[in-house]
Amino acid sequence: MKKHARMNYPRFILFSFIYVFCPNSAFSQQYDPGIMGTVNALFDGMRAGDSTKVRNAFALGSTMMSVPENPKDSIAVKKSSVDGFVKAVGKPHPDKWDERIYGPKISVDGPMAIVWAPYKFYLGEKFSHCGVNVFTLIKISSGWKITSVTDTRRKECSF
């Protein structure tokens, strides 16, 4: 029994060394930074009230949907137009639209990516609502573009 334990000791030391001294990125999948670059450009454009920056994050024909909770304890899907959203971002408003995401998770298959990102939305410094954004992106010749956004909305957050 001791002979078997000693034979595994060098492997244990090797794997312990790798785990402790190698960066965590060695154990995680690397993604094209353009994926989050596109998502972040959308939020930067929202904060700046820059409709051009927001428009550039989207592919032609993109869709937007929200799944808000309502007082009747039921769910309703609300579709909205990207054009209307872009126009609203560019229209002067008294408070900055500040959407902050936390711990996004990314899945990629070739030219398609999904980003799952819990968020909190603030009007200026005042909390408005929270939920999860799900972005679907495709990679085209000009880079990653958002083809759809679906979000949930609620007043209380668990993150």
N, C-alpha and C. Protein backbone atom coordinates (compact mmCIF):
# COMPACT_ATOMS: atom_id res chain seq x y z
N MET A 1 0.82 -1.19 0.00
CA MET A 1 0.00 0.00 0.00
C MET A 1 0.87 1.26 0.00
N LYS A 2 1.92 1.27 0.79
CA LYS A 2 2.78 2.44 0.84
C LYS A 2 3.47 2.65 -0.51
N LYS A 3 3.84 1.57 -1.19
CA LYS A 3 4.51 1.69 -2.48
C LYS A 3 3.59 2.43 -3.46
N HIS A 4 2.33 2.10 -3.48
CA HIS A 4 1.36 2.75 -4.38
C HIS A 4 1.21 4.23 -4.03
N ALA A 5 1.17 4.55 -2.76
CA ALA A 5 1.03 5.93 -2.31
C ALA A 5 2.25 6.75 -2.71
N ARG A 6 3.46 6.16 -2.62
CA ARG A 6 4.67 6.88 -3.00
C ARG A 6 4.72 7.13 -4.50
N MET A 7 4.20 6.24 -5.30
CA MET A 7 4.21 6.40 -6.75
C MET A 7 3.31 7.57 -7.17
N ASN A 8 2.27 7.84 -6.42
CA ASN A 8 1.36 8.93 -6.74
C ASN A 8 1.83 10.27 -6.18
N TYR A 9 2.75 10.24 -5.24
CA TYR A 9 3.23 11.47 -4.61
C TYR A 9 3.82 12.44 -5.63
N PRO A 10 4.68 12.02 -6.56
CA PRO A 10 5.22 12.97 -7.55
C PRO A 10 4.11 13.60 -8.41
N ARG A 11 3.11 12.82 -8.78
CA ARG A 11 1.99 13.38 -9.54
C ARG A 11 1.24 14.41 -8.72
N PHE A 12 1.03 14.10 -7.46
CA PHE A 12 0.34 15.03 -6.57
C PHE A 12 1.10 16.36 -6.49
N ILE A 13 2.42 16.28 -6.34
CA ILE A 13 3.24 17.48 -6.26
C ILE A 13 3.16 18.25 -7.58
N LEU A 14 3.26 17.55 -8.71
CA LEU A 14 3.20 18.20 -10.02
C LEU A 14 1.87 18.92 -10.21
N PHE A 15 0.76 18.24 -9.96
CA PHE A 15 -0.56 18.87 -10.15
C PHE A 15 -0.79 20.00 -9.15
N SER A 16 -0.29 19.86 -7.95
CA SER A 16 -0.41 20.94 -6.97
C SER A 16 0.36 22.16 -7.44
N PHE A 17 1.57 21.94 -7.96
CA PHE A 17 2.39 23.05 -8.46
C PHE A 17 1.67 23.75 -9.61
N ILE A 18 1.14 23.00 -10.56
CA ILE A 18 0.44 23.58 -11.71
C ILE A 18 -0.78 24.37 -11.22
N TYR A 19 -1.53 23.80 -10.32
CA TYR A 19 -2.74 24.48 -9.82
C TYR A 19 -2.41 25.78 -9.11
N VAL A 20 -1.37 25.78 -8.31
CA VAL A 20 -1.03 26.96 -7.52
C VAL A 20 -0.35 28.04 -8.35
N PHE A 21 0.53 27.65 -9.26
CA PHE A 21 1.37 28.64 -9.93
C PHE A 21 0.94 29.00 -11.35
N CYS A 22 0.02 28.26 -11.93
CA CYS A 22 -0.45 28.63 -13.28
C CYS A 22 -1.66 29.54 -13.15
N PRO A 23 -1.77 30.51 -14.03
CA PRO A 23 -2.93 31.41 -13.95
C PRO A 23 -4.21 30.63 -14.21
N ASN A 24 -5.29 31.10 -13.59
CA ASN A 24 -6.57 30.44 -13.76
C ASN A 24 -7.00 30.35 -15.21
N SER A 25 -6.55 31.28 -16.03
CA SER A 25 -6.95 31.26 -17.42
C SER A 25 -6.46 30.00 -18.13
N ALA A 26 -5.44 29.34 -17.57
CA ALA A 26 -4.97 28.10 -18.17
C ALA A 26 -6.02 27.01 -18.07
N PHE A 27 -6.96 27.15 -17.13
CA PHE A 27 -7.98 26.15 -16.93
C PHE A 27 -9.34 26.57 -17.47
N SER A 28 -9.43 27.74 -18.07
CA SER A 28 -10.72 28.20 -18.58
C SER A 28 -10.62 28.48 -20.06
N GLN A 29 -11.75 28.38 -20.73
CA GLN A 29 -11.78 28.63 -22.15
C GLN A 29 -11.60 30.12 -22.41
N GLN A 30 -10.82 30.46 -23.41
CA GLN A 30 -10.60 31.86 -23.78
C GLN A 30 -11.60 32.23 -24.87
N TYR A 31 -12.13 33.43 -24.79
CA TYR A 31 -13.10 33.91 -25.76
C TYR A 31 -12.57 35.12 -26.49
N ASP A 32 -13.06 35.30 -27.67
CA ASP A 32 -12.73 36.49 -28.45
C ASP A 32 -13.15 37.71 -27.64
N PRO A 33 -12.23 38.62 -27.32
CA PRO A 33 -12.59 39.79 -26.52
C PRO A 33 -13.62 40.69 -27.22
N GLY A 34 -13.78 40.53 -28.51
CA GLY A 34 -14.77 41.31 -29.24
C GLY A 34 -16.19 41.03 -28.80
N ILE A 35 -16.44 39.85 -28.23
CA ILE A 35 -17.79 39.50 -27.76
C ILE A 35 -18.19 40.47 -26.65
N MET A 36 -17.40 40.51 -25.58
CA MET A 36 -17.73 41.43 -24.49
C MET A 36 -17.48 42.87 -24.89
N GLY A 37 -16.58 43.09 -25.85
CA GLY A 37 -16.37 44.44 -26.35
C GLY A 37 -17.64 45.02 -26.94
N THR A 38 -18.39 44.21 -27.67
CA THR A 38 -19.66 44.66 -28.26
C THR A 38 -20.69 44.93 -27.17
N VAL A 39 -20.80 44.02 -26.22
CA VAL A 39 -21.76 44.22 -25.12
C VAL A 39 -21.40 45.47 -24.32
N ASN A 40 -20.13 45.64 -24.01
CA ASN A 40 -19.70 46.82 -23.25
C ASN A 40 -19.89 48.11 -24.04
N ALA A 41 -19.71 48.04 -25.37
CA ALA A 41 -19.94 49.24 -26.20
C ALA A 41 -21.40 49.66 -26.13
N LEU A 42 -22.30 48.69 -26.09
CA LEU A 42 -23.73 49.00 -25.94
C LEU A 42 -23.96 49.76 -24.64
N PHE A 43 -23.42 49.27 -23.53
CA PHE A 43 -23.63 49.93 -22.24
C PHE A 43 -22.92 51.27 -22.15
N ASP A 44 -21.74 51.37 -22.75
CA ASP A 44 -21.04 52.66 -22.79
C ASP A 44 -21.87 53.68 -23.56
N GLY A 45 -22.44 53.25 -24.68
CA GLY A 45 -23.30 54.14 -25.47
C GLY A 45 -24.53 54.58 -24.71
N MET A 46 -25.12 53.65 -23.94
CA MET A 46 -26.28 54.01 -23.12
C MET A 46 -25.90 55.07 -22.09
N ARG A 47 -24.78 54.84 -21.40
CA ARG A 47 -24.35 55.80 -20.36
C ARG A 47 -24.07 57.17 -20.96
N ALA A 48 -23.52 57.19 -22.18
CA ALA A 48 -23.16 58.46 -22.82
C ALA A 48 -24.32 59.09 -23.58
N GLY A 49 -25.44 58.36 -23.71
CA GLY A 49 -26.55 58.87 -24.51
C GLY A 49 -26.18 58.93 -25.99
N ASP A 50 -25.30 58.03 -26.42
CA ASP A 50 -24.76 58.02 -27.77
C ASP A 50 -25.48 56.97 -28.62
N SER A 51 -26.48 57.41 -29.38
CA SER A 51 -27.29 56.48 -30.16
C SER A 51 -26.48 55.81 -31.28
N THR A 52 -25.47 56.49 -31.81
CA THR A 52 -24.64 55.89 -32.86
C THR A 52 -23.85 54.71 -32.31
N LYS A 53 -23.28 54.88 -31.15
CA LYS A 53 -22.52 53.79 -30.51
C LYS A 53 -23.44 52.60 -30.21
N VAL A 54 -24.65 52.90 -29.73
CA VAL A 54 -25.61 51.84 -29.44
C VAL A 54 -26.02 51.14 -30.73
N ARG A 55 -26.35 51.88 -31.76
CA ARG A 55 -26.76 51.31 -33.05
C ARG A 55 -25.67 50.39 -33.60
N ASN A 56 -24.40 50.81 -33.47
CA ASN A 56 -23.29 50.02 -34.01
C ASN A 56 -23.09 48.69 -33.30
N ALA A 57 -23.65 48.51 -32.12
CA ALA A 57 -23.54 47.24 -31.41
C ALA A 57 -24.48 46.18 -31.98
N PHE A 58 -25.50 46.61 -32.71
CA PHE A 58 -26.54 45.71 -33.21
C PHE A 58 -26.36 45.36 -34.68
N ALA A 59 -26.73 44.13 -35.03
CA ALA A 59 -26.83 43.71 -36.43
C ALA A 59 -28.17 44.21 -36.97
N LEU A 60 -28.27 44.33 -38.28
CA LEU A 60 -29.55 44.68 -38.90
C LEU A 60 -30.57 43.60 -38.58
N GLY A 61 -31.80 44.01 -38.30
CA GLY A 61 -32.87 43.05 -38.01
C GLY A 61 -32.86 42.49 -36.61
N SER A 62 -32.09 43.07 -35.71
CA SER A 62 -32.02 42.58 -34.32
C SER A 62 -33.35 42.73 -33.61
N THR A 63 -33.53 41.92 -32.57
CA THR A 63 -34.77 41.96 -31.79
C THR A 63 -34.46 42.21 -30.32
N MET A 64 -35.48 42.75 -29.63
CA MET A 64 -35.38 42.97 -28.19
C MET A 64 -36.67 42.47 -27.53
N MET A 65 -36.52 41.76 -26.42
CA MET A 65 -37.68 41.29 -25.66
C MET A 65 -37.39 41.42 -24.17
N SER A 66 -38.44 41.73 -23.42
CA SER A 66 -38.35 41.78 -21.97
C SER A 66 -39.38 40.84 -21.38
N VAL A 67 -39.00 40.25 -20.26
CA VAL A 67 -39.89 39.34 -19.55
C VAL A 67 -40.04 39.90 -18.13
N PRO A 68 -40.87 40.94 -17.98
CA PRO A 68 -41.03 41.54 -16.65
C PRO A 68 -42.00 40.74 -15.79
N GLU A 69 -41.78 40.83 -14.48
CA GLU A 69 -42.78 40.28 -13.56
C GLU A 69 -43.89 41.31 -13.47
N ASN A 70 -45.11 40.85 -13.37
CA ASN A 70 -46.18 41.83 -13.20
C ASN A 70 -46.96 41.53 -11.92
N PRO A 71 -47.74 42.51 -11.45
CA PRO A 71 -48.42 42.37 -10.16
C PRO A 71 -49.39 41.19 -10.07
N LYS A 72 -49.86 40.71 -11.19
CA LYS A 72 -50.81 39.59 -11.16
C LYS A 72 -50.10 38.24 -11.04
N ASP A 73 -48.81 38.29 -10.77
CA ASP A 73 -48.02 37.07 -10.59
C ASP A 73 -47.95 36.23 -11.86
N SER A 74 -48.00 36.88 -13.00
CA SER A 74 -47.87 36.17 -14.26
C SER A 74 -46.75 36.81 -15.07
N ILE A 75 -46.42 36.18 -16.13
CA ILE A 75 -45.32 36.65 -16.97
C ILE A 75 -45.88 37.09 -18.32
N ALA A 76 -45.35 38.17 -18.82
CA ALA A 76 -45.73 38.66 -20.14
C ALA A 76 -44.47 39.01 -20.90
N VAL A 77 -44.39 38.58 -22.12
CA VAL A 77 -43.25 38.91 -22.95
C VAL A 77 -43.58 40.19 -23.71
N LYS A 78 -42.67 41.16 -23.60
CA LYS A 78 -42.86 42.44 -24.30
C LYS A 78 -41.78 42.58 -25.35
N LYS A 79 -42.20 42.70 -26.60
CA LYS A 79 -41.23 42.93 -27.68
C LYS A 79 -41.11 44.42 -27.92
N SER A 80 -39.89 44.86 -28.22
CA SER A 80 -39.68 46.27 -28.55
C SER A 80 -38.72 46.36 -29.72
N SER A 81 -38.72 47.49 -30.36
CA SER A 81 -37.88 47.65 -31.54
C SER A 81 -36.52 48.20 -31.15
N VAL A 82 -35.50 47.71 -31.83
CA VAL A 82 -34.15 48.23 -31.64
C VAL A 82 -34.13 49.70 -32.05
N ASP A 83 -34.84 50.04 -33.14
CA ASP A 83 -34.88 51.44 -33.59
C ASP A 83 -35.44 52.35 -32.51
N GLY A 84 -36.52 51.92 -31.86
CA GLY A 84 -37.11 52.72 -30.78
C GLY A 84 -36.15 52.87 -29.61
N PHE A 85 -35.45 51.80 -29.28
CA PHE A 85 -34.48 51.83 -28.19
C PHE A 85 -33.33 52.79 -28.51
N VAL A 86 -32.81 52.69 -29.72
CA VAL A 86 -31.71 53.56 -30.14
C VAL A 86 -32.14 55.03 -30.09
N LYS A 87 -33.35 55.29 -30.56
CA LYS A 87 -33.87 56.66 -30.54
C LYS A 87 -34.02 57.16 -29.10
N ALA A 88 -34.51 56.31 -28.22
CA ALA A 88 -34.68 56.70 -26.81
C ALA A 88 -33.34 56.99 -26.15
N VAL A 89 -32.32 56.20 -26.46
CA VAL A 89 -30.99 56.43 -25.90
C VAL A 89 -30.47 57.80 -26.32
N GLY A 90 -30.68 58.16 -27.58
CA GLY A 90 -30.15 59.42 -28.10
C GLY A 90 -30.95 60.64 -27.72
N LYS A 91 -32.20 60.44 -27.25
CA LYS A 91 -33.02 61.57 -26.84
C LYS A 91 -32.54 62.07 -25.48
N PRO A 92 -32.34 63.37 -25.32
CA PRO A 92 -31.87 63.87 -24.02
C PRO A 92 -32.78 63.43 -22.87
N HIS A 93 -32.17 62.95 -21.80
CA HIS A 93 -32.91 62.55 -20.60
C HIS A 93 -32.13 63.06 -19.39
N PRO A 94 -32.85 63.39 -18.32
CA PRO A 94 -32.19 64.04 -17.17
C PRO A 94 -31.16 63.18 -16.45
N ASP A 95 -31.38 61.87 -16.43
CA ASP A 95 -30.47 60.98 -15.70
C ASP A 95 -29.74 60.04 -16.66
N LYS A 96 -28.51 59.75 -16.31
CA LYS A 96 -27.71 58.79 -17.09
C LYS A 96 -28.34 57.40 -16.96
N TRP A 97 -28.41 56.65 -18.06
CA TRP A 97 -28.87 55.27 -18.04
C TRP A 97 -27.63 54.40 -17.81
N ASP A 98 -27.56 53.81 -16.65
CA ASP A 98 -26.37 53.07 -16.25
C ASP A 98 -26.73 51.62 -15.94
N GLU A 99 -26.46 50.75 -16.90
CA GLU A 99 -26.71 49.32 -16.71
C GLU A 99 -25.39 48.64 -16.39
N ARG A 100 -25.35 47.98 -15.23
CA ARG A 100 -24.12 47.35 -14.75
C ARG A 100 -24.31 45.84 -14.75
N ILE A 101 -23.40 45.12 -15.40
CA ILE A 101 -23.52 43.67 -15.45
C ILE A 101 -22.53 43.03 -14.49
N TYR A 102 -22.86 41.81 -14.06
CA TYR A 102 -22.08 41.10 -13.05
C TYR A 102 -21.85 39.66 -13.50
N GLY A 103 -20.60 39.25 -13.56
CA GLY A 103 -20.25 37.86 -13.83
C GLY A 103 -20.83 37.28 -15.10
N PRO A 104 -20.62 37.92 -16.24
CA PRO A 104 -21.20 37.37 -17.47
C PRO A 104 -20.64 35.99 -17.78
N LYS A 105 -21.50 35.14 -18.32
CA LYS A 105 -21.10 33.80 -18.77
C LYS A 105 -21.24 33.78 -20.29
N ILE A 106 -20.23 33.25 -20.96
CA ILE A 106 -20.19 33.27 -22.42
C ILE A 106 -20.11 31.85 -22.94
N SER A 107 -20.90 31.58 -23.97
CA SER A 107 -20.81 30.32 -24.71
C SER A 107 -20.64 30.68 -26.18
N VAL A 108 -19.76 29.95 -26.86
CA VAL A 108 -19.46 30.26 -28.25
C VAL A 108 -19.48 28.98 -29.08
N ASP A 109 -20.03 29.09 -30.28
CA ASP A 109 -19.94 28.03 -31.27
C ASP A 109 -19.66 28.70 -32.61
N GLY A 110 -18.39 28.72 -33.00
CA GLY A 110 -18.00 29.35 -34.26
C GLY A 110 -18.36 30.83 -34.28
N PRO A 111 -19.22 31.23 -35.24
CA PRO A 111 -19.56 32.65 -35.37
C PRO A 111 -20.75 33.09 -34.52
N MET A 112 -21.17 32.26 -33.57
CA MET A 112 -22.32 32.60 -32.72
C MET A 112 -21.89 32.55 -31.26
N ALA A 113 -22.39 33.53 -30.49
CA ALA A 113 -22.07 33.57 -29.06
C ALA A 113 -23.32 33.96 -28.28
N ILE A 114 -23.40 33.47 -27.06
CA ILE A 114 -24.46 33.82 -26.12
C ILE A 114 -23.77 34.39 -24.88
N VAL A 115 -24.28 35.51 -24.39
CA VAL A 115 -23.78 36.10 -23.15
C VAL A 115 -24.94 36.17 -22.17
N TRP A 116 -24.80 35.52 -21.02
CA TRP A 116 -25.78 35.54 -19.93
C TRP A 116 -25.21 36.45 -18.87
N ALA A 117 -25.90 37.57 -18.59
CA ALA A 117 -25.30 38.56 -17.69
C ALA A 117 -26.32 39.14 -16.72
N PRO A 118 -26.26 38.79 -15.44
CA PRO A 118 -27.08 39.47 -14.45
C PRO A 118 -26.75 40.96 -14.46
N TYR A 119 -27.75 41.81 -14.23
CA TYR A 119 -27.52 43.25 -14.29
C TYR A 119 -28.33 44.00 -13.24
N LYS A 120 -27.89 45.23 -13.00
CA LYS A 120 -28.64 46.21 -12.21
C LYS A 120 -28.69 47.48 -13.04
N PHE A 121 -29.87 48.09 -13.12
CA PHE A 121 -30.05 49.29 -13.92
C PHE A 121 -30.30 50.47 -13.01
N TYR A 122 -29.55 51.56 -13.25
CA TYR A 122 -29.66 52.77 -12.45
C TYR A 122 -30.04 53.95 -13.35
N LEU A 123 -30.90 54.80 -12.85
CA LEU A 123 -31.17 56.10 -13.46
C LEU A 123 -30.37 57.09 -12.64
N GLY A 124 -29.27 57.56 -13.22
CA GLY A 124 -28.33 58.35 -12.42
C GLY A 124 -27.73 57.44 -11.37
N GLU A 125 -27.84 57.84 -10.13
CA GLU A 125 -27.34 57.01 -9.02
C GLU A 125 -28.44 56.20 -8.35
N LYS A 126 -29.69 56.35 -8.83
CA LYS A 126 -30.83 55.69 -8.20
C LYS A 126 -31.13 54.34 -8.87
N PHE A 127 -31.15 53.28 -8.03
CA PHE A 127 -31.47 51.95 -8.53
C PHE A 127 -32.89 51.93 -9.10
N SER A 128 -33.04 51.32 -10.26
CA SER A 128 -34.35 51.21 -10.90
C SER A 128 -34.86 49.77 -10.89
N HIS A 129 -34.09 48.84 -11.46
CA HIS A 129 -34.51 47.44 -11.54
C HIS A 129 -33.30 46.56 -11.83
N CYS A 130 -33.53 45.26 -11.82
CA CYS A 130 -32.45 44.32 -12.08
C CYS A 130 -33.02 43.11 -12.80
N GLY A 131 -32.15 42.20 -13.16
CA GLY A 131 -32.56 40.97 -13.84
C GLY A 131 -31.38 40.32 -14.51
N VAL A 132 -31.66 39.64 -15.61
CA VAL A 132 -30.63 38.98 -16.39
C VAL A 132 -30.81 39.38 -17.84
N ASN A 133 -29.72 39.73 -18.50
CA ASN A 133 -29.70 39.95 -19.94
C ASN A 133 -29.17 38.70 -20.61
N VAL A 134 -29.79 38.31 -21.71
CA VAL A 134 -29.26 37.26 -22.56
C VAL A 134 -29.05 37.87 -23.94
N PHE A 135 -27.78 37.96 -24.34
CA PHE A 135 -27.43 38.50 -25.64
C PHE A 135 -27.07 37.36 -26.58
N THR A 136 -27.60 37.39 -27.78
CA THR A 136 -27.14 36.50 -28.84
C THR A 136 -26.36 37.36 -29.82
N LEU A 137 -25.16 36.94 -30.14
CA LEU A 137 -24.31 37.70 -31.05
C LEU A 137 -23.86 36.81 -32.21
N ILE A 138 -23.60 37.44 -33.34
CA ILE A 138 -22.99 36.74 -34.47
C ILE A 138 -21.75 37.52 -34.89
N LYS A 139 -20.80 36.79 -35.45
CA LYS A 139 -19.59 37.45 -35.93
C LYS A 139 -19.71 37.62 -37.44
N ILE A 140 -19.67 38.87 -37.86
CA ILE A 140 -19.69 39.20 -39.28
C ILE A 140 -18.37 39.87 -39.64
N SER A 141 -18.21 40.29 -40.87
CA SER A 141 -16.93 40.84 -41.31
C SER A 141 -16.49 42.04 -40.48
N SER A 142 -17.45 42.82 -39.96
CA SER A 142 -17.09 44.01 -39.17
C SER A 142 -16.96 43.71 -37.68
N GLY A 143 -17.09 42.46 -37.28
CA GLY A 143 -16.93 42.08 -35.88
C GLY A 143 -18.19 41.48 -35.29
N TRP A 144 -18.23 41.36 -33.97
CA TRP A 144 -19.38 40.78 -33.26
C TRP A 144 -20.51 41.80 -33.19
N LYS A 145 -21.73 41.34 -33.51
CA LYS A 145 -22.91 42.20 -33.47
C LYS A 145 -24.01 41.47 -32.70
N ILE A 146 -24.79 42.23 -31.96
CA ILE A 146 -25.91 41.68 -31.19
C ILE A 146 -27.08 41.46 -32.15
N THR A 147 -27.62 40.22 -32.14
CA THR A 147 -28.79 39.93 -32.96
C THR A 147 -30.06 39.89 -32.14
N SER A 148 -29.93 39.65 -30.84
CA SER A 148 -31.11 39.70 -29.97
C SER A 148 -30.68 39.94 -28.53
N VAL A 149 -31.59 40.60 -27.82
CA VAL A 149 -31.43 40.81 -26.38
C VAL A 149 -32.75 40.42 -25.75
N THR A 150 -32.71 39.56 -24.76
CA THR A 150 -33.88 39.24 -23.95
C THR A 150 -33.48 39.49 -22.51
N ASP A 151 -34.35 40.17 -21.76
CA ASP A 151 -34.02 40.44 -20.36
C ASP A 151 -35.21 40.18 -19.46
N THR A 152 -34.90 39.88 -18.22
CA THR A 152 -35.91 39.81 -17.18
C THR A 152 -35.82 41.11 -16.40
N ARG A 153 -36.91 41.48 -15.72
CA ARG A 153 -36.90 42.72 -14.94
C ARG A 153 -37.65 42.49 -13.63
N ARG A 154 -37.02 42.93 -12.56
CA ARG A 154 -37.67 42.88 -11.25
C ARG A 154 -37.06 43.96 -10.36
N LYS A 155 -37.68 44.19 -9.23
CA LYS A 155 -37.21 45.23 -8.31
C LYS A 155 -36.24 44.73 -7.27
N GLU A 156 -36.28 43.45 -6.95
CA GLU A 156 -35.40 42.90 -5.92
C GLU A 156 -34.38 41.96 -6.55
N CYS A 157 -33.11 42.12 -6.14
CA CYS A 157 -32.01 41.33 -6.71
C CYS A 157 -31.44 40.40 -5.66
N SER A 158 -30.96 39.26 -6.12
CA SER A 158 -30.30 38.32 -5.20
C SER A 158 -28.80 38.31 -5.44
N PHE A 159 -28.29 39.24 -6.19
CA PHE A 159 -26.84 39.28 -6.47
C PHE A 159 -26.29 40.64 -6.15
